[in-house]
Amino acid sequence: MRIIRTHEDIEAGLAGLIMLDARLEQVLSKAGPVPLRRTEPGYRGLANIIVSQMVSKASAQAIWKRMEAALGEISAEGVLSLSDEDCRLFGLSRAKADALRRVAAATVAGEIDLQAVCDIEAAAAIHELTAIKGIGRWTAEVYLLFCAGHPDVFPCGDVALQNAIGHALGFELRPTASEVDSLAVVWSPWRSVAARLFWAYYAQEMRRDALPVTP
């Protein structure tokens, strides 16, 4: 498995994608530069993804800054020390606070190794991550994509990706997650690069904040 670590890996993936699907050459020409968007694996990386779910980029950044101001480096142990009132003041919903705590507890107890999960096959990694209550498939896939650098993951439930694909490929209606899943098969083994490409297209052509978003 070739890990996506550098911009050169992105370029290799884009070249491979265009060979697999010629339509993506035009998508790339409109999307502009496709960012790497890698972050270190571990609790901090997964926590940042949880915080970013279903809110604007600005809101997620504001919550994260409040957490850093209170905790310094975001860690499982630090999150477990927070009270319900702390979480409310940060702007965390109850569901997000619960998810952050469950992952933290599993990490501290040794029930999951967020570094090791990056080194296994995607389906097995998603199974391990989603075994923690509050971690859905989208969260697991985005963790593998941006923290693990997995080359072949495509978060089909992401609304921005659905909108970008529908717009770029001329769909009359936004494709469903199932339709996107079927479309993305042809982009293997570079589906993670394809996701980055369509997020870049979404930001450039649809003039929208390109943080991954869920329904």
N, C-alpha and C. Protein backbone atom coordinates (compact mmCIF):
# COMPACT_ATOMS: atom_id res chain seq x y z
N MET A 1 0.85 -1.19 0.00
CA MET A 1 0.00 0.00 0.00
C MET A 1 0.89 1.25 0.00
N ARG A 2 0.70 2.11 -0.99
CA ARG A 2 1.49 3.34 -1.07
C ARG A 2 0.82 4.42 -0.23
N ILE A 3 1.47 4.83 0.82
CA ILE A 3 0.92 5.86 1.71
C ILE A 3 1.05 7.23 1.04
N ILE A 4 -0.01 8.05 1.18
CA ILE A 4 0.02 9.42 0.66
C ILE A 4 0.71 10.29 1.69
N ARG A 5 1.97 10.62 1.42
CA ARG A 5 2.77 11.40 2.38
C ARG A 5 3.14 12.78 1.85
N THR A 6 3.28 12.93 0.55
CA THR A 6 3.85 14.15 -0.02
C THR A 6 3.00 14.65 -1.19
N HIS A 7 3.32 15.86 -1.63
CA HIS A 7 2.66 16.40 -2.82
C HIS A 7 3.01 15.58 -4.06
N GLU A 8 4.19 14.97 -4.06
CA GLU A 8 4.57 14.11 -5.17
C GLU A 8 3.65 12.89 -5.25
N ASP A 9 3.23 12.38 -4.10
CA ASP A 9 2.28 11.27 -4.08
C ASP A 9 0.93 11.71 -4.66
N ILE A 10 0.52 12.92 -4.33
CA ILE A 10 -0.72 13.46 -4.90
C ILE A 10 -0.61 13.55 -6.42
N GLU A 11 0.52 14.06 -6.91
CA GLU A 11 0.71 14.18 -8.35
C GLU A 11 0.68 12.82 -9.04
N ALA A 12 1.30 11.84 -8.41
CA ALA A 12 1.28 10.48 -8.97
C ALA A 12 -0.15 9.94 -9.01
N GLY A 13 -0.89 10.20 -7.94
CA GLY A 13 -2.27 9.75 -7.89
C GLY A 13 -3.15 10.43 -8.94
N LEU A 14 -2.95 11.72 -9.13
CA LEU A 14 -3.73 12.44 -10.15
C LEU A 14 -3.44 11.91 -11.54
N ALA A 15 -2.17 11.65 -11.83
CA ALA A 15 -1.82 11.08 -13.14
C ALA A 15 -2.48 9.73 -13.32
N GLY A 16 -2.46 8.92 -12.25
CA GLY A 16 -3.11 7.62 -12.33
C GLY A 16 -4.60 7.73 -12.52
N LEU A 17 -5.23 8.69 -11.86
CA LEU A 17 -6.67 8.87 -11.98
C LEU A 17 -7.09 9.26 -13.40
N ILE A 18 -6.32 10.13 -14.02
CA ILE A 18 -6.65 10.56 -15.38
C ILE A 18 -6.53 9.40 -16.36
N MET A 19 -5.60 8.50 -16.10
CA MET A 19 -5.48 7.30 -16.94
C MET A 19 -6.69 6.38 -16.74
N LEU A 20 -7.22 6.35 -15.51
CA LEU A 20 -8.37 5.50 -15.22
C LEU A 20 -9.68 6.10 -15.71
N ASP A 21 -9.79 7.43 -15.68
CA ASP A 21 -11.04 8.12 -16.02
C ASP A 21 -10.69 9.45 -16.66
N ALA A 22 -10.78 9.52 -17.97
CA ALA A 22 -10.35 10.72 -18.71
C ALA A 22 -11.17 11.95 -18.33
N ARG A 23 -12.37 11.77 -17.80
CA ARG A 23 -13.20 12.92 -17.41
C ARG A 23 -12.52 13.75 -16.32
N LEU A 24 -11.66 13.12 -15.54
CA LEU A 24 -11.06 13.81 -14.41
C LEU A 24 -10.00 14.83 -14.83
N GLU A 25 -9.54 14.75 -16.06
CA GLU A 25 -8.58 15.76 -16.53
C GLU A 25 -9.22 17.14 -16.54
N GLN A 26 -10.47 17.21 -16.99
CA GLN A 26 -11.18 18.50 -17.00
C GLN A 26 -11.52 18.93 -15.57
N VAL A 27 -11.86 17.99 -14.72
CA VAL A 27 -12.12 18.31 -13.32
C VAL A 27 -10.88 18.94 -12.69
N LEU A 28 -9.72 18.34 -12.96
CA LEU A 28 -8.47 18.84 -12.42
C LEU A 28 -8.15 20.24 -12.94
N SER A 29 -8.43 20.48 -14.20
CA SER A 29 -8.13 21.79 -14.78
C SER A 29 -8.95 22.90 -14.12
N LYS A 30 -10.11 22.56 -13.63
CA LYS A 30 -10.97 23.54 -12.96
C LYS A 30 -10.70 23.62 -11.46
N ALA A 31 -10.24 22.52 -10.89
CA ALA A 31 -10.04 22.47 -9.44
C ALA A 31 -8.83 23.27 -8.98
N GLY A 32 -7.82 23.36 -9.84
CA GLY A 32 -6.59 24.01 -9.43
C GLY A 32 -5.76 23.08 -8.55
N PRO A 33 -4.82 23.62 -7.77
CA PRO A 33 -3.95 22.78 -6.95
C PRO A 33 -4.75 21.90 -5.98
N VAL A 34 -4.34 20.65 -5.88
CA VAL A 34 -4.99 19.71 -4.98
C VAL A 34 -4.13 19.57 -3.73
N PRO A 35 -4.61 20.03 -2.58
CA PRO A 35 -3.76 20.04 -1.37
C PRO A 35 -3.57 18.66 -0.78
N LEU A 36 -2.47 18.50 -0.07
CA LEU A 36 -2.14 17.24 0.60
C LEU A 36 -3.03 17.02 1.82
N ARG A 37 -3.12 18.01 2.69
CA ARG A 37 -3.98 17.97 3.87
C ARG A 37 -3.71 16.74 4.73
N ARG A 38 -2.45 16.51 5.07
CA ARG A 38 -2.09 15.43 5.98
C ARG A 38 -1.91 15.97 7.39
N THR A 39 -2.25 15.16 8.37
CA THR A 39 -2.00 15.48 9.76
C THR A 39 -1.55 14.21 10.46
N GLU A 40 -0.86 14.37 11.58
CA GLU A 40 -0.31 13.21 12.27
C GLU A 40 -1.42 12.31 12.81
N PRO A 41 -1.25 10.99 12.68
CA PRO A 41 -2.23 10.08 13.28
C PRO A 41 -2.17 10.10 14.79
N GLY A 42 -3.22 9.66 15.42
CA GLY A 42 -3.27 9.63 16.87
C GLY A 42 -4.54 10.29 17.39
N TYR A 43 -4.64 10.44 18.69
CA TYR A 43 -5.86 10.98 19.28
C TYR A 43 -6.15 12.39 18.79
N ARG A 44 -5.13 13.24 18.74
CA ARG A 44 -5.35 14.62 18.35
C ARG A 44 -5.97 14.73 16.96
N GLY A 45 -5.45 13.93 16.03
CA GLY A 45 -5.97 13.97 14.67
C GLY A 45 -7.42 13.55 14.59
N LEU A 46 -7.77 12.47 15.28
CA LEU A 46 -9.16 12.00 15.25
C LEU A 46 -10.07 12.98 15.97
N ALA A 47 -9.59 13.55 17.07
CA ALA A 47 -10.40 14.54 17.80
C ALA A 47 -10.71 15.74 16.92
N ASN A 48 -9.75 16.18 16.14
CA ASN A 48 -9.97 17.33 15.26
C ASN A 48 -11.04 17.03 14.21
N ILE A 49 -11.05 15.81 13.71
CA ILE A 49 -12.08 15.40 12.74
C ILE A 49 -13.45 15.40 13.39
N ILE A 50 -13.54 14.88 14.61
CA ILE A 50 -14.82 14.87 15.33
C ILE A 50 -15.33 16.29 15.55
N VAL A 51 -14.45 17.18 15.97
CA VAL A 51 -14.84 18.57 16.21
C VAL A 51 -15.33 19.23 14.92
N SER A 52 -14.77 18.86 13.79
CA SER A 52 -15.07 19.51 12.52
C SER A 52 -16.37 19.04 11.88
N GLN A 53 -16.95 17.98 12.38
CA GLN A 53 -18.15 17.41 11.76
C GLN A 53 -19.33 18.38 11.79
N MET A 54 -19.94 18.55 10.63
CA MET A 54 -21.23 19.22 10.51
C MET A 54 -21.24 20.66 11.02
N VAL A 55 -20.09 21.32 11.00
CA VAL A 55 -20.02 22.75 11.31
C VAL A 55 -19.13 23.41 10.27
N SER A 56 -19.19 24.73 10.19
CA SER A 56 -18.33 25.44 9.25
C SER A 56 -16.88 25.35 9.69
N LYS A 57 -15.99 25.60 8.76
CA LYS A 57 -14.57 25.60 9.07
C LYS A 57 -14.25 26.62 10.17
N ALA A 58 -14.86 27.80 10.08
CA ALA A 58 -14.61 28.85 11.08
C ALA A 58 -15.07 28.40 12.47
N SER A 59 -16.24 27.77 12.54
CA SER A 59 -16.76 27.30 13.83
C SER A 59 -15.86 26.22 14.41
N ALA A 60 -15.43 25.29 13.57
CA ALA A 60 -14.55 24.21 14.04
C ALA A 60 -13.24 24.77 14.57
N GLN A 61 -12.68 25.73 13.85
CA GLN A 61 -11.41 26.33 14.28
C GLN A 61 -11.57 27.07 15.61
N ALA A 62 -12.71 27.73 15.78
CA ALA A 62 -12.95 28.47 17.03
C ALA A 62 -13.06 27.50 18.21
N ILE A 63 -13.78 26.40 18.02
CA ILE A 63 -13.90 25.40 19.10
C ILE A 63 -12.53 24.81 19.43
N TRP A 64 -11.77 24.48 18.39
CA TRP A 64 -10.46 23.87 18.59
C TRP A 64 -9.52 24.81 19.34
N LYS A 65 -9.56 26.09 19.01
CA LYS A 65 -8.71 27.07 19.69
C LYS A 65 -9.08 27.19 21.17
N ARG A 66 -10.36 27.13 21.48
CA ARG A 66 -10.78 27.18 22.88
C ARG A 66 -10.27 25.94 23.63
N MET A 67 -10.34 24.80 22.98
CA MET A 67 -9.84 23.57 23.60
C MET A 67 -8.33 23.65 23.84
N GLU A 68 -7.61 24.16 22.85
CA GLU A 68 -6.15 24.28 23.00
C GLU A 68 -5.80 25.29 24.10
N ALA A 69 -6.57 26.36 24.19
CA ALA A 69 -6.29 27.35 25.23
C ALA A 69 -6.46 26.74 26.62
N ALA A 70 -7.40 25.83 26.74
CA ALA A 70 -7.65 25.21 28.05
C ALA A 70 -6.71 24.05 28.35
N LEU A 71 -6.38 23.27 27.31
CA LEU A 71 -5.64 22.03 27.52
C LEU A 71 -4.19 22.08 27.07
N GLY A 72 -3.85 23.06 26.25
CA GLY A 72 -2.54 23.02 25.60
C GLY A 72 -2.62 22.00 24.48
N GLU A 73 -1.72 21.05 24.46
CA GLU A 73 -1.77 19.98 23.47
C GLU A 73 -3.00 19.10 23.72
N ILE A 74 -3.79 18.87 22.68
CA ILE A 74 -4.99 18.05 22.83
C ILE A 74 -4.57 16.58 22.97
N SER A 75 -4.98 15.97 24.07
CA SER A 75 -4.64 14.57 24.32
C SER A 75 -5.83 13.84 24.89
N ALA A 76 -5.78 12.51 24.85
CA ALA A 76 -6.87 11.71 25.42
C ALA A 76 -7.01 11.99 26.91
N GLU A 77 -5.89 12.05 27.60
CA GLU A 77 -5.94 12.31 29.04
C GLU A 77 -6.53 13.68 29.34
N GLY A 78 -6.15 14.68 28.54
CA GLY A 78 -6.67 16.02 28.75
C GLY A 78 -8.18 16.08 28.54
N VAL A 79 -8.65 15.43 27.50
CA VAL A 79 -10.09 15.45 27.22
C VAL A 79 -10.87 14.75 28.33
N LEU A 80 -10.32 13.68 28.87
CA LEU A 80 -11.00 12.98 29.97
C LEU A 80 -11.09 13.84 31.23
N SER A 81 -10.25 14.86 31.32
CA SER A 81 -10.29 15.73 32.50
C SER A 81 -11.35 16.83 32.40
N LEU A 82 -11.97 16.98 31.23
CA LEU A 82 -12.92 18.07 31.02
C LEU A 82 -14.27 17.77 31.65
N SER A 83 -14.90 18.80 32.16
CA SER A 83 -16.26 18.67 32.69
C SER A 83 -17.27 18.92 31.58
N ASP A 84 -18.52 18.60 31.87
CA ASP A 84 -19.59 18.90 30.91
C ASP A 84 -19.65 20.40 30.63
N GLU A 85 -19.44 21.20 31.67
CA GLU A 85 -19.50 22.65 31.49
C GLU A 85 -18.35 23.13 30.62
N ASP A 86 -17.16 22.56 30.78
CA ASP A 86 -16.03 22.91 29.91
C ASP A 86 -16.41 22.68 28.45
N CYS A 87 -16.96 21.51 28.17
CA CYS A 87 -17.31 21.15 26.80
C CYS A 87 -18.36 22.09 26.24
N ARG A 88 -19.33 22.46 27.07
CA ARG A 88 -20.37 23.38 26.62
C ARG A 88 -19.76 24.74 26.28
N LEU A 89 -18.85 25.22 27.12
CA LEU A 89 -18.23 26.52 26.88
C LEU A 89 -17.35 26.52 25.63
N PHE A 90 -16.77 25.39 25.31
CA PHE A 90 -15.98 25.29 24.08
C PHE A 90 -16.87 25.39 22.85
N GLY A 91 -18.15 25.03 23.00
CA GLY A 91 -19.06 24.99 21.86
C GLY A 91 -19.31 23.60 21.34
N LEU A 92 -18.89 22.60 22.10
CA LEU A 92 -19.10 21.21 21.69
C LEU A 92 -20.53 20.78 21.98
N SER A 93 -21.15 20.10 21.01
CA SER A 93 -22.45 19.50 21.29
C SER A 93 -22.25 18.32 22.24
N ARG A 94 -23.34 17.88 22.86
CA ARG A 94 -23.23 16.74 23.77
C ARG A 94 -22.73 15.50 23.02
N ALA A 95 -23.22 15.31 21.79
CA ALA A 95 -22.81 14.13 21.02
C ALA A 95 -21.31 14.16 20.72
N LYS A 96 -20.79 15.32 20.37
CA LYS A 96 -19.36 15.42 20.07
C LYS A 96 -18.52 15.23 21.34
N ALA A 97 -18.96 15.82 22.43
CA ALA A 97 -18.24 15.66 23.69
C ALA A 97 -18.21 14.18 24.09
N ASP A 98 -19.33 13.50 23.93
CA ASP A 98 -19.39 12.08 24.26
C ASP A 98 -18.45 11.27 23.37
N ALA A 99 -18.44 11.58 22.06
CA ALA A 99 -17.57 10.84 21.14
C ALA A 99 -16.10 11.07 21.48
N LEU A 100 -15.74 12.31 21.77
CA LEU A 100 -14.36 12.61 22.15
C LEU A 100 -13.95 11.84 23.40
N ARG A 101 -14.85 11.76 24.37
CA ARG A 101 -14.54 11.06 25.61
C ARG A 101 -14.45 9.55 25.39
N ARG A 102 -15.34 8.99 24.57
CA ARG A 102 -15.30 7.54 24.33
C ARG A 102 -14.01 7.14 23.65
N VAL A 103 -13.59 7.93 22.64
CA VAL A 103 -12.32 7.64 21.97
C VAL A 103 -11.16 7.79 22.94
N ALA A 104 -11.22 8.83 23.76
CA ALA A 104 -10.16 9.05 24.75
C ALA A 104 -10.07 7.88 25.72
N ALA A 105 -11.22 7.43 26.21
CA ALA A 105 -11.23 6.32 27.16
C ALA A 105 -10.70 5.05 26.53
N ALA A 106 -11.10 4.78 25.28
CA ALA A 106 -10.62 3.58 24.58
C ALA A 106 -9.12 3.66 24.34
N THR A 107 -8.63 4.84 24.05
CA THR A 107 -7.20 5.03 23.81
C THR A 107 -6.40 4.81 25.10
N VAL A 108 -6.83 5.43 26.19
CA VAL A 108 -6.12 5.32 27.47
C VAL A 108 -6.16 3.88 27.97
N ALA A 109 -7.29 3.19 27.75
CA ALA A 109 -7.42 1.80 28.21
C ALA A 109 -6.69 0.80 27.32
N GLY A 110 -6.17 1.27 26.20
CA GLY A 110 -5.48 0.37 25.29
C GLY A 110 -6.41 -0.47 24.45
N GLU A 111 -7.68 -0.06 24.36
CA GLU A 111 -8.65 -0.82 23.57
C GLU A 111 -8.49 -0.55 22.08
N ILE A 112 -7.86 0.56 21.73
CA ILE A 112 -7.56 0.85 20.34
C ILE A 112 -6.24 1.60 20.27
N ASP A 113 -5.46 1.30 19.25
CA ASP A 113 -4.19 1.98 19.00
C ASP A 113 -4.36 2.77 17.71
N LEU A 114 -4.51 4.07 17.84
CA LEU A 114 -4.81 4.92 16.68
C LEU A 114 -3.64 5.05 15.73
N GLN A 115 -2.45 4.71 16.17
CA GLN A 115 -1.30 4.65 15.27
C GLN A 115 -1.32 3.34 14.49
N ALA A 116 -1.51 2.24 15.20
CA ALA A 116 -1.47 0.93 14.56
C ALA A 116 -2.61 0.73 13.57
N VAL A 117 -3.75 1.34 13.84
CA VAL A 117 -4.89 1.16 12.95
C VAL A 117 -4.61 1.73 11.56
N CYS A 118 -3.64 2.63 11.48
CA CYS A 118 -3.28 3.23 10.19
C CYS A 118 -2.53 2.25 9.28
N ASP A 119 -2.03 1.18 9.85
CA ASP A 119 -1.18 0.26 9.10
C ASP A 119 -1.90 -0.98 8.60
N ILE A 120 -3.21 -1.06 8.86
CA ILE A 120 -3.95 -2.23 8.43
C ILE A 120 -4.87 -1.89 7.26
N GLU A 121 -5.42 -2.90 6.66
CA GLU A 121 -6.29 -2.73 5.50
C GLU A 121 -7.50 -1.88 5.88
N ALA A 122 -7.99 -1.09 4.92
CA ALA A 122 -9.01 -0.07 5.22
C ALA A 122 -10.26 -0.65 5.87
N ALA A 123 -10.79 -1.74 5.34
CA ALA A 123 -12.04 -2.29 5.87
C ALA A 123 -11.86 -2.70 7.34
N ALA A 124 -10.73 -3.31 7.67
CA ALA A 124 -10.47 -3.72 9.04
C ALA A 124 -10.30 -2.50 9.94
N ALA A 125 -9.63 -1.47 9.44
CA ALA A 125 -9.43 -0.25 10.21
C ALA A 125 -10.76 0.44 10.49
N ILE A 126 -11.61 0.51 9.48
CA ILE A 126 -12.92 1.14 9.66
C ILE A 126 -13.74 0.36 10.68
N HIS A 127 -13.64 -0.97 10.63
CA HIS A 127 -14.36 -1.80 11.60
C HIS A 127 -13.89 -1.50 13.03
N GLU A 128 -12.59 -1.38 13.23
CA GLU A 128 -12.06 -1.08 14.57
C GLU A 128 -12.52 0.28 15.06
N LEU A 129 -12.44 1.27 14.19
CA LEU A 129 -12.78 2.63 14.59
C LEU A 129 -14.27 2.77 14.89
N THR A 130 -15.10 2.20 14.04
CA THR A 130 -16.55 2.35 14.22
C THR A 130 -17.09 1.47 15.34
N ALA A 131 -16.26 0.61 15.90
CA ALA A 131 -16.67 -0.17 17.07
C ALA A 131 -16.83 0.74 18.30
N ILE A 132 -16.21 1.92 18.25
CA ILE A 132 -16.36 2.91 19.34
C ILE A 132 -17.65 3.68 19.10
N LYS A 133 -18.54 3.67 20.05
CA LYS A 133 -19.81 4.37 19.91
C LYS A 133 -19.57 5.85 19.66
N GLY A 134 -20.24 6.39 18.66
CA GLY A 134 -20.08 7.80 18.32
C GLY A 134 -19.16 8.02 17.14
N ILE A 135 -18.42 6.98 16.72
CA ILE A 135 -17.56 7.09 15.55
C ILE A 135 -18.25 6.38 14.39
N GLY A 136 -18.70 7.15 13.43
CA GLY A 136 -19.37 6.60 12.26
C GLY A 136 -18.39 6.32 11.13
N ARG A 137 -18.92 5.78 10.06
CA ARG A 137 -18.08 5.42 8.92
C ARG A 137 -17.36 6.63 8.34
N TRP A 138 -18.07 7.76 8.21
CA TRP A 138 -17.46 8.96 7.63
C TRP A 138 -16.24 9.39 8.45
N THR A 139 -16.39 9.43 9.76
CA THR A 139 -15.29 9.83 10.63
C THR A 139 -14.09 8.90 10.45
N ALA A 140 -14.37 7.60 10.42
CA ALA A 140 -13.30 6.61 10.24
C ALA A 140 -12.61 6.79 8.90
N GLU A 141 -13.38 7.00 7.85
CA GLU A 141 -12.80 7.15 6.51
C GLU A 141 -11.95 8.41 6.41
N VAL A 142 -12.43 9.50 6.98
CA VAL A 142 -11.67 10.75 6.92
C VAL A 142 -10.38 10.62 7.74
N TYR A 143 -10.42 9.90 8.86
CA TYR A 143 -9.21 9.65 9.64
C TYR A 143 -8.19 8.87 8.80
N LEU A 144 -8.64 7.82 8.11
CA LEU A 144 -7.72 7.04 7.29
C LEU A 144 -7.17 7.86 6.13
N LEU A 145 -7.99 8.74 5.59
CA LEU A 145 -7.58 9.55 4.46
C LEU A 145 -6.53 10.59 4.85
N PHE A 146 -6.81 11.36 5.91
CA PHE A 146 -5.94 12.49 6.24
C PHE A 146 -4.88 12.19 7.29
N CYS A 147 -5.15 11.25 8.18
CA CYS A 147 -4.17 10.93 9.22
C CYS A 147 -3.30 9.73 8.86
N ALA A 148 -3.93 8.71 8.29
CA ALA A 148 -3.17 7.52 7.91
C ALA A 148 -2.52 7.67 6.54
N GLY A 149 -3.07 8.55 5.70
CA GLY A 149 -2.56 8.68 4.33
C GLY A 149 -2.93 7.49 3.46
N HIS A 150 -4.03 6.81 3.82
CA HIS A 150 -4.46 5.66 3.03
C HIS A 150 -4.79 6.11 1.61
N PRO A 151 -4.33 5.40 0.59
CA PRO A 151 -4.51 5.87 -0.78
C PRO A 151 -5.86 5.58 -1.40
N ASP A 152 -6.67 4.70 -0.78
CA ASP A 152 -7.83 4.18 -1.52
C ASP A 152 -9.10 4.19 -0.67
N VAL A 153 -9.40 5.34 -0.09
CA VAL A 153 -10.62 5.51 0.71
C VAL A 153 -11.41 6.67 0.12
N PHE A 154 -12.72 6.51 -0.03
CA PHE A 154 -13.55 7.58 -0.57
C PHE A 154 -14.80 7.71 0.30
N PRO A 155 -14.93 8.81 1.06
CA PRO A 155 -16.08 8.99 1.96
C PRO A 155 -17.35 9.35 1.18
N CYS A 156 -18.07 8.32 0.74
CA CYS A 156 -19.20 8.53 -0.16
C CYS A 156 -20.36 9.28 0.49
N GLY A 157 -20.41 9.28 1.83
CA GLY A 157 -21.47 9.99 2.51
C GLY A 157 -21.23 11.48 2.66
N ASP A 158 -20.10 11.97 2.19
CA ASP A 158 -19.76 13.38 2.33
C ASP A 158 -20.55 14.22 1.33
N VAL A 159 -21.33 15.15 1.83
CA VAL A 159 -22.23 15.94 0.98
C VAL A 159 -21.45 16.82 0.00
N ALA A 160 -20.31 17.38 0.44
CA ALA A 160 -19.51 18.20 -0.46
C ALA A 160 -19.02 17.36 -1.64
N LEU A 161 -18.58 16.15 -1.39
CA LEU A 161 -18.14 15.28 -2.48
C LEU A 161 -19.30 14.93 -3.41
N GLN A 162 -20.45 14.65 -2.84
CA GLN A 162 -21.61 14.34 -3.68
C GLN A 162 -21.96 15.53 -4.57
N ASN A 163 -21.97 16.72 -3.99
CA ASN A 163 -22.29 17.93 -4.77
C ASN A 163 -21.24 18.18 -5.84
N ALA A 164 -19.97 18.03 -5.48
CA ALA A 164 -18.90 18.29 -6.44
C ALA A 164 -18.95 17.31 -7.60
N ILE A 165 -19.17 16.05 -7.30
CA ILE A 165 -19.24 15.04 -8.37
C ILE A 165 -20.44 15.31 -9.27
N GLY A 166 -21.58 15.59 -8.67
CA GLY A 166 -22.76 15.90 -9.47
C GLY A 166 -22.55 17.09 -10.38
N HIS A 167 -21.92 18.14 -9.85
CA HIS A 167 -21.66 19.35 -10.63
C HIS A 167 -20.63 19.09 -11.72
N ALA A 168 -19.54 18.43 -11.35
CA ALA A 168 -18.43 18.23 -12.30
C ALA A 168 -18.77 17.26 -13.41
N LEU A 169 -19.56 16.24 -13.08
CA LEU A 169 -19.83 15.19 -14.07
C LEU A 169 -21.21 15.31 -14.71
N GLY A 170 -21.90 16.43 -14.43
CA GLY A 170 -23.13 16.74 -15.15
C GLY A 170 -24.37 15.98 -14.70
N PHE A 171 -24.46 15.65 -13.43
CA PHE A 171 -25.67 15.01 -12.92
C PHE A 171 -26.79 16.05 -12.82
N GLU A 172 -28.02 15.63 -13.10
CA GLU A 172 -29.15 16.53 -12.95
C GLU A 172 -29.46 16.76 -11.47
N LEU A 173 -29.33 15.68 -10.68
CA LEU A 173 -29.54 15.76 -9.24
C LEU A 173 -28.26 15.32 -8.53
N ARG A 174 -28.10 15.76 -7.29
CA ARG A 174 -26.94 15.33 -6.51
C ARG A 174 -26.96 13.80 -6.38
N PRO A 175 -25.86 13.14 -6.73
CA PRO A 175 -25.83 11.68 -6.60
C PRO A 175 -25.89 11.25 -5.14
N THR A 176 -26.49 10.10 -4.92
CA THR A 176 -26.58 9.54 -3.57
C THR A 176 -25.24 8.93 -3.16
N ALA A 177 -25.12 8.61 -1.88
CA ALA A 177 -23.91 7.95 -1.41
C ALA A 177 -23.67 6.64 -2.15
N SER A 178 -24.76 5.90 -2.41
CA SER A 178 -24.64 4.63 -3.13
C SER A 178 -24.15 4.85 -4.55
N GLU A 179 -24.67 5.87 -5.21
CA GLU A 179 -24.23 6.18 -6.58
C GLU A 179 -22.77 6.60 -6.60
N VAL A 180 -22.37 7.42 -5.62
CA VAL A 180 -20.98 7.86 -5.54
C VAL A 180 -20.06 6.67 -5.29
N ASP A 181 -20.49 5.76 -4.43
CA ASP A 181 -19.71 4.57 -4.15
C ASP A 181 -19.46 3.77 -5.43
N SER A 182 -20.50 3.62 -6.24
CA SER A 182 -20.36 2.89 -7.50
C SER A 182 -19.43 3.63 -8.47
N LEU A 183 -19.57 4.95 -8.54
CA LEU A 183 -18.71 5.75 -9.41
C LEU A 183 -17.25 5.64 -9.00
N ALA A 184 -17.01 5.65 -7.70
CA ALA A 184 -15.64 5.70 -7.19
C ALA A 184 -14.87 4.41 -7.40
N VAL A 185 -15.55 3.33 -7.68
CA VAL A 185 -14.87 2.05 -7.88
C VAL A 185 -13.80 2.17 -8.97
N VAL A 186 -14.12 2.90 -10.04
CA VAL A 186 -13.19 3.01 -11.16
C VAL A 186 -11.94 3.80 -10.78
N TRP A 187 -12.00 4.59 -9.71
CA TRP A 187 -10.85 5.41 -9.30
C TRP A 187 -9.88 4.68 -8.38
N SER A 188 -10.19 3.46 -8.02
CA SER A 188 -9.27 2.64 -7.23
C SER A 188 -8.04 2.29 -8.08
N PRO A 189 -6.84 2.34 -7.54
CA PRO A 189 -6.45 2.40 -6.12
C PRO A 189 -6.10 3.80 -5.63
N TRP A 190 -6.69 4.84 -6.26
CA TRP A 190 -6.37 6.23 -5.90
C TRP A 190 -7.60 7.00 -5.43
N ARG A 191 -8.52 6.31 -4.77
CA ARG A 191 -9.75 7.00 -4.39
C ARG A 191 -9.53 8.13 -3.38
N SER A 192 -8.51 8.02 -2.55
CA SER A 192 -8.24 9.10 -1.59
C SER A 192 -7.78 10.37 -2.31
N VAL A 193 -7.05 10.20 -3.40
CA VAL A 193 -6.63 11.36 -4.20
C VAL A 193 -7.83 11.92 -4.95
N ALA A 194 -8.72 11.05 -5.42
CA ALA A 194 -9.94 11.51 -6.08
C ALA A 194 -10.79 12.34 -5.12
N ALA A 195 -10.88 11.92 -3.86
CA ALA A 195 -11.63 12.69 -2.87
C ALA A 195 -11.02 14.08 -2.71
N ARG A 196 -9.71 14.15 -2.60
CA ARG A 196 -9.04 15.45 -2.49
C ARG A 196 -9.31 16.31 -3.72
N LEU A 197 -9.30 15.68 -4.89
CA LEU A 197 -9.56 16.41 -6.13
C LEU A 197 -10.96 17.02 -6.11
N PHE A 198 -11.95 16.26 -5.73
CA PHE A 198 -13.32 16.78 -5.75
C PHE A 198 -13.57 17.79 -4.64
N TRP A 199 -12.88 17.65 -3.50
CA TRP A 199 -12.98 18.71 -2.48
C TRP A 199 -12.38 20.02 -3.01
N ALA A 200 -11.25 19.90 -3.73
CA ALA A 200 -10.63 21.09 -4.32
C ALA A 200 -11.56 21.71 -5.37
N TYR A 201 -12.21 20.87 -6.16
CA TYR A 201 -13.18 21.35 -7.16
C TYR A 201 -14.34 22.07 -6.47
N TYR A 202 -14.81 21.48 -5.38
CA TYR A 202 -15.92 22.07 -4.63
C TYR A 202 -15.56 23.46 -4.14
N ALA A 203 -14.35 23.60 -3.63
CA ALA A 203 -13.91 24.90 -3.12
C ALA A 203 -13.74 25.92 -4.24
N GLN A 204 -13.19 25.50 -5.36
CA GLN A 204 -12.87 26.42 -6.45
C GLN A 204 -14.07 26.77 -7.31
N GLU A 205 -14.82 25.76 -7.72
CA GLU A 205 -15.91 25.97 -8.68
C GLU A 205 -17.24 26.29 -8.02
N MET A 206 -17.44 25.80 -6.82
CA MET A 206 -18.72 26.02 -6.16
C MET A 206 -18.60 27.05 -5.05
N ARG A 207 -17.36 27.55 -4.88
CA ARG A 207 -17.07 28.65 -3.95
C ARG A 207 -17.58 28.36 -2.54
N ARG A 208 -17.32 27.16 -2.10
CA ARG A 208 -17.76 26.74 -0.78
C ARG A 208 -16.57 26.30 0.06
N ASP A 209 -16.75 26.45 1.37
CA ASP A 209 -15.74 25.96 2.32
C ASP A 209 -15.57 24.46 2.08
N ALA A 210 -14.33 24.02 1.92
CA ALA A 210 -14.10 22.66 1.50
C ALA A 210 -13.76 21.68 2.61
N LEU A 211 -14.09 22.01 3.85
CA LEU A 211 -13.95 20.98 4.90
C LEU A 211 -14.91 19.84 4.56
N PRO A 212 -14.49 18.60 4.76
CA PRO A 212 -15.44 17.50 4.57
C PRO A 212 -16.68 17.72 5.44
N VAL A 213 -17.85 17.47 4.85
CA VAL A 213 -19.09 17.65 5.60
C VAL A 213 -19.98 16.42 5.45
N THR A 214 -20.79 16.15 6.47
CA THR A 214 -21.72 15.03 6.45
C THR A 214 -23.13 15.55 6.27
N PRO A 215 -24.07 14.64 5.96
CA PRO A 215 -25.46 15.09 5.80
C PRO A 215 -26.00 15.75 7.07
